C-alpha atoms as a PDB file:
ATOM      1  CA  MET A   1     172.688 -44.859 -12.715  1.00  0.00           C
ATOM      2  CA  SER A   2     174.371 -41.543 -12.600  1.00  0.00           C
ATOM      3  CA  MET A   3     174.917 -38.850 -10.078  1.00  0.00           C
ATOM      4  CA  THR A   4     173.707 -35.369 -10.866  1.00  0.00           C
ATOM      5  CA  PRO A   5     175.607 -32.383  -9.492  1.00  0.00           C
ATOM      6  CA  GLY A   6     172.692 -30.697  -7.765  1.00  0.00           C
ATOM      7  CA  SER A   7     171.144 -33.758  -6.217  1.00  0.00           C
ATOM      8  CA  ARG A   8     173.101 -33.690  -2.900  1.00  0.00           C
ATOM      9  CA  GLY A   9     174.241 -37.281  -3.122  1.00  0.00           C
ATOM     10  CA  LEU A  10     170.885 -38.772  -4.067  1.00  0.00           C
ATOM     11  CA  LEU A  11     170.812 -41.317  -6.844  1.00  0.00           C
ATOM     12  CA  SER A  12     169.127 -40.364 -10.074  1.00  0.00           C
ATOM     13  CA  SER A  13     167.243 -42.759 -12.314  1.00  0.00           C
ATOM     14  CA  GLU A  14     168.045 -40.941 -15.573  1.00  0.00           C
ATOM     15  CA  MET A  15     169.660 -43.017 -18.301  1.00  0.00           C
ATOM     16  CA  ASN A  16     173.064 -41.899 -19.542  1.00  0.00           C
ATOM     17  CA  VAL A  17     172.818 -41.915 -23.351  1.00  0.00           C
ATOM     18  CA  THR A  18     176.372 -40.747 -24.063  1.00  0.00           C
ATOM     19  CA  PRO A  19     177.749 -44.268 -24.659  1.00  0.00           C
ATOM     20  CA  PHE A  20     174.908 -45.022 -27.044  1.00  0.00           C
ATOM     21  CA  ILE A  21     175.603 -41.905 -29.085  1.00  0.00           C
ATOM     22  CA  ASP A  22     179.315 -42.784 -29.211  1.00  0.00           C
ATOM     23  CA  VAL A  23     178.511 -46.260 -30.556  1.00  0.00           C
ATOM     24  CA  LEU A  24     176.136 -44.835 -33.174  1.00  0.00           C
ATOM     25  CA  LEU A  25     178.727 -42.340 -34.382  1.00  0.00           C
ATOM     26  CA  VAL A  26     181.371 -45.082 -34.708  1.00  0.00           C
ATOM     27  CA  LEU A  27     178.952 -47.257 -36.693  1.00  0.00           C
ATOM     28  CA  LEU A  28     178.070 -44.306 -38.928  1.00  0.00           C
ATOM     29  CA  ILE A  29     181.749 -43.678 -39.689  1.00  0.00           C
ATOM     30  CA  ILE A  30     182.356 -47.374 -40.425  1.00  0.00           C
ATOM     31  CA  PHE A  31     179.475 -47.535 -42.898  1.00  0.00           C
ATOM     32  CA  MET A  32     180.546 -44.299 -44.568  1.00  0.00           C
ATOM     33  CA  VAL A  33     184.100 -45.562 -45.086  1.00  0.00           C
ATOM     34  CA  MET A  34     183.143 -49.035 -46.354  1.00  0.00           C
ATOM     35  CA  PRO A  35     183.163 -49.397 -50.142  1.00  0.00           C
ATOM     36  CA  HIS A  36     179.741 -49.586 -51.720  1.00  0.00           C
ATOM     37  CA  HIS A  37     179.079 -52.894 -53.454  1.00  0.00           C
ATOM     38  CA  ARG A  38     176.696 -52.904 -56.392  1.00  0.00           C
ATOM     39  CA  GLY A  39     175.795 -56.552 -55.886  1.00  0.00           C
ATOM     40  CA  GLU A  40     177.131 -59.817 -57.171  1.00  0.00           C
ATOM     41  CA  LYS A  41     177.378 -60.617 -60.838  1.00  0.00           C
ATOM     42  CA  ALA A  42     175.100 -63.402 -62.017  1.00  0.00           C
ATOM     43  CA  ASP A  43     174.332 -65.002 -65.339  1.00  0.00           C
ATOM     44  CA  VAL A  44     170.602 -64.687 -65.835  1.00  0.00           C
ATOM     45  CA  PRO A  45     169.111 -66.981 -68.476  1.00  0.00           C
ATOM     46  CA  MET A  46     167.440 -65.137 -71.308  1.00  0.00           C
ATOM     47  CA  THR A  47     163.861 -65.944 -72.197  1.00  0.00           C
ATOM     48  CA  ASP A  48     162.657 -66.556 -75.700  1.00  0.00           C
ATOM     49  CA  GLN A  49     162.150 -63.359 -77.615  1.00  0.00           C
ATOM     50  CA  LYS A  50     158.843 -64.689 -78.862  1.00  0.00           C
ATOM     51  CA  VAL A  51     156.110 -63.631 -76.464  1.00  0.00           C
ATOM     52  CA  PRO A  52     153.149 -66.010 -76.421  1.00  0.00           C
ATOM     53  CA  GLU A  53     149.820 -64.451 -77.175  1.00  0.00           C
ATOM     54  CA  THR A  54     147.676 -64.383 -74.092  1.00  0.00           C
ATOM     55  CA  ARG A  55     143.994 -64.198 -74.621  1.00  0.00           C
ATOM     56  CA  LEU A  56     142.065 -62.512 -71.893  1.00  0.00           C
ATOM     57  CA  ALA A  57     139.664 -65.001 -70.439  1.00  0.00           C
ATOM     58  CA  GLU A  58     136.122 -63.866 -70.745  1.00  0.00           C
ATOM     59  CA  ASN A  59     133.970 -63.529 -67.693  1.00  0.00           C
ATOM     60  CA  ILE A  60     131.642 -66.347 -66.760  1.00  0.00           C
ATOM     61  CA  VAL A  61     128.098 -64.946 -66.724  1.00  0.00           C
ATOM     62  CA  ILE A  62     125.280 -67.160 -65.518  1.00  0.00           C
ATOM     63  CA  GLU A  63     121.915 -65.710 -66.551  1.00  0.00           C
ATOM     64  CA  LEU A  64     118.447 -66.700 -65.397  1.00  0.00           C
ATOM     65  CA  HIS A  65     115.664 -65.782 -67.832  1.00  0.00           C
ATOM     66  CA  ASP A  66     112.006 -65.717 -66.793  1.00  0.00           C
ATOM     67  CA  SER A  67     109.911 -68.425 -68.486  1.00  0.00           C
ATOM     68  CA  GLY A  68     106.523 -67.351 -67.193  1.00  0.00           C
ATOM     69  CA  ASP A  69     104.450 -67.974 -64.078  1.00  0.00           C
ATOM     70  CA  GLY A  70     105.346 -71.075 -62.129  1.00  0.00           C
ATOM     71  CA  LYS A  71     107.935 -72.324 -64.598  1.00  0.00           C
ATOM     72  CA  THR A  72     111.596 -72.893 -63.948  1.00  0.00           C
ATOM     73  CA  PRO A  73     113.639 -70.070 -65.483  1.00  0.00           C
ATOM     74  CA  LYS A  74     115.818 -70.726 -68.509  1.00  0.00           C
ATOM     75  CA  LEU A  75     119.528 -70.850 -67.664  1.00  0.00           C
ATOM     76  CA  THR A  76     122.392 -69.662 -69.878  1.00  0.00           C
ATOM     77  CA  ILE A  77     126.138 -69.581 -69.341  1.00  0.00           C
ATOM     78  CA  ASN A  78     127.865 -66.983 -71.515  1.00  0.00           C
ATOM     79  CA  LYS A  79     124.795 -66.793 -73.804  1.00  0.00           C
ATOM     80  CA  GLN A  80     124.715 -70.591 -74.321  1.00  0.00           C
ATOM     81  CA  ASP A  81     121.619 -72.451 -73.190  1.00  0.00           C
ATOM     82  CA  VAL A  82     122.323 -74.994 -70.468  1.00  0.00           C
ATOM     83  CA  ALA A  83     119.935 -77.385 -68.738  1.00  0.00           C
ATOM     84  CA  TRP A  84     119.722 -77.092 -64.965  1.00  0.00           C
ATOM     85  CA  ASP A  85     120.973 -80.688 -64.658  1.00  0.00           C
ATOM     86  CA  GLY A  86     124.105 -79.978 -66.715  1.00  0.00           C
ATOM     87  CA  THR A  87     124.992 -76.626 -65.180  1.00  0.00           C
ATOM     88  CA  GLU A  88     127.475 -77.927 -62.627  1.00  0.00           C
ATOM     89  CA  LYS A  89     129.188 -80.164 -65.193  1.00  0.00           C
ATOM     90  CA  LYS A  90     129.465 -77.279 -67.682  1.00  0.00           C
ATOM     91  CA  LEU A  91     130.922 -74.953 -65.034  1.00  0.00           C
ATOM     92  CA  ARG A  92     133.443 -77.594 -63.931  1.00  0.00           C
ATOM     93  CA  GLU A  93     134.594 -77.920 -67.552  1.00  0.00           C
ATOM     94  CA  ILE A  94     135.053 -74.150 -67.735  1.00  0.00           C
ATOM     95  CA  TYR A  95     136.891 -73.852 -64.416  1.00  0.00           C
ATOM     96  CA  VAL A  96     139.278 -76.770 -64.904  1.00  0.00           C
ATOM     97  CA  ASN A  97     141.692 -74.671 -67.008  1.00  0.00           C
ATOM     98  CA  ARG A  98     141.170 -71.303 -65.344  1.00  0.00           C
ATOM     99  CA  ALA A  99     143.246 -69.701 -62.635  1.00  0.00           C
ATOM    100  CA  ASP A 100     140.517 -67.267 -61.613  1.00  0.00           C
ATOM    101  CA  LYS A 101     137.355 -69.010 -60.595  1.00  0.00           C
ATOM    102  CA  VAL A 102     134.981 -66.065 -60.721  1.00  0.00           C
ATOM    103  CA  ALA A 103     131.360 -66.073 -61.881  1.00  0.00           C
ATOM    104  CA  PHE A 104     128.737 -63.388 -62.308  1.00  0.00           C
ATOM    105  CA  LEU A 105     125.082 -64.176 -61.714  1.00  0.00           C
ATOM    106  CA  LYS A 106     122.344 -62.209 -63.450  1.00  0.00           C
ATOM    107  CA  GLY A 107     118.609 -62.813 -63.184  1.00  0.00           C
ATOM    108  CA  ASP A 108     115.412 -61.258 -64.428  1.00  0.00           C
ATOM    109  CA  PRO A 109     113.561 -59.306 -61.734  1.00  0.00           C
ATOM    110  CA  GLU A 110     110.440 -61.476 -62.080  1.00  0.00           C
ATOM    111  CA  ILE A 111     112.014 -64.802 -61.074  1.00  0.00           C
ATOM    112  CA  ASP A 112     111.843 -66.205 -57.563  1.00  0.00           C
ATOM    113  CA  PHE A 113     114.928 -65.799 -55.426  1.00  0.00           C
ATOM    114  CA  GLN A 114     114.978 -69.561 -54.809  1.00  0.00           C
ATOM    115  CA  TYR A 115     116.201 -70.096 -58.380  1.00  0.00           C
ATOM    116  CA  VAL A 116     118.942 -67.505 -57.882  1.00  0.00           C
ATOM    117  CA  ALA A 117     119.997 -69.268 -54.681  1.00  0.00           C
ATOM    118  CA  ASP A 118     120.025 -72.614 -56.510  1.00  0.00           C
ATOM    119  CA  ALA A 119     122.221 -71.209 -59.298  1.00  0.00           C
ATOM    120  CA  LEU A 120     124.532 -69.680 -56.696  1.00  0.00           C
ATOM    121  CA  ASP A 121     124.796 -73.028 -54.908  1.00  0.00           C
ATOM    122  CA  ILE A 122     125.511 -74.886 -58.166  1.00  0.00           C
ATOM    123  CA  ALA A 123     128.255 -72.393 -59.108  1.00  0.00           C
ATOM    124  CA  ARG A 124     129.826 -72.716 -55.669  1.00  0.00           C
ATOM    125  CA  HIS A 125     129.825 -76.530 -55.883  1.00  0.00           C
ATOM    126  CA  ALA A 126     131.316 -76.359 -59.390  1.00  0.00           C
ATOM    127  CA  GLY A 127     134.374 -74.567 -58.020  1.00  0.00           C
ATOM    128  CA  ALA A 128     133.644 -70.846 -58.221  1.00  0.00           C
ATOM    129  CA  ASP A 129     135.613 -69.028 -55.530  1.00  0.00           C
ATOM    130  CA  ARG A 130     133.938 -65.645 -55.971  1.00  0.00           C
ATOM    131  CA  ILE A 131     130.471 -64.938 -57.304  1.00  0.00           C
ATOM    132  CA  GLY A 132     129.196 -61.472 -58.092  1.00  0.00           C
ATOM    133  CA  PHE A 133     125.668 -60.323 -58.786  1.00  0.00           C
ATOM    134  CA  MET A 134     124.852 -58.261 -61.862  1.00  0.00           C
ATOM    135  CA  ASP A 135     121.936 -55.947 -62.327  1.00  0.00           C
END
């Protein structure tokens, strides 16, 4: 605590910041005078100059095609016909070597939503982390 001249002997609760400013100025001078290091030298191993060709993985599109009234819709994965029983197995085979487990689900407007929900459930059980709907 400090005493202020016009306070008639009463204590004041103001903080004296002068010592803090002195310390900051000393630290500033020390850091200005210190030599600037550019970092340590290190031997970094060089990679092969041959860059492997990376093929962009195509998107997984699950399509449901209307087969008529009361019939189960036809299912395709990336334009290849797949039976409903083999859908999960086929998707597991696709996802086993993929880092991104994303699928897109597309259905004809005439099909019942139950079939869309079933396809969504199968894709989720096969390992798809994210599933998007296409129009």
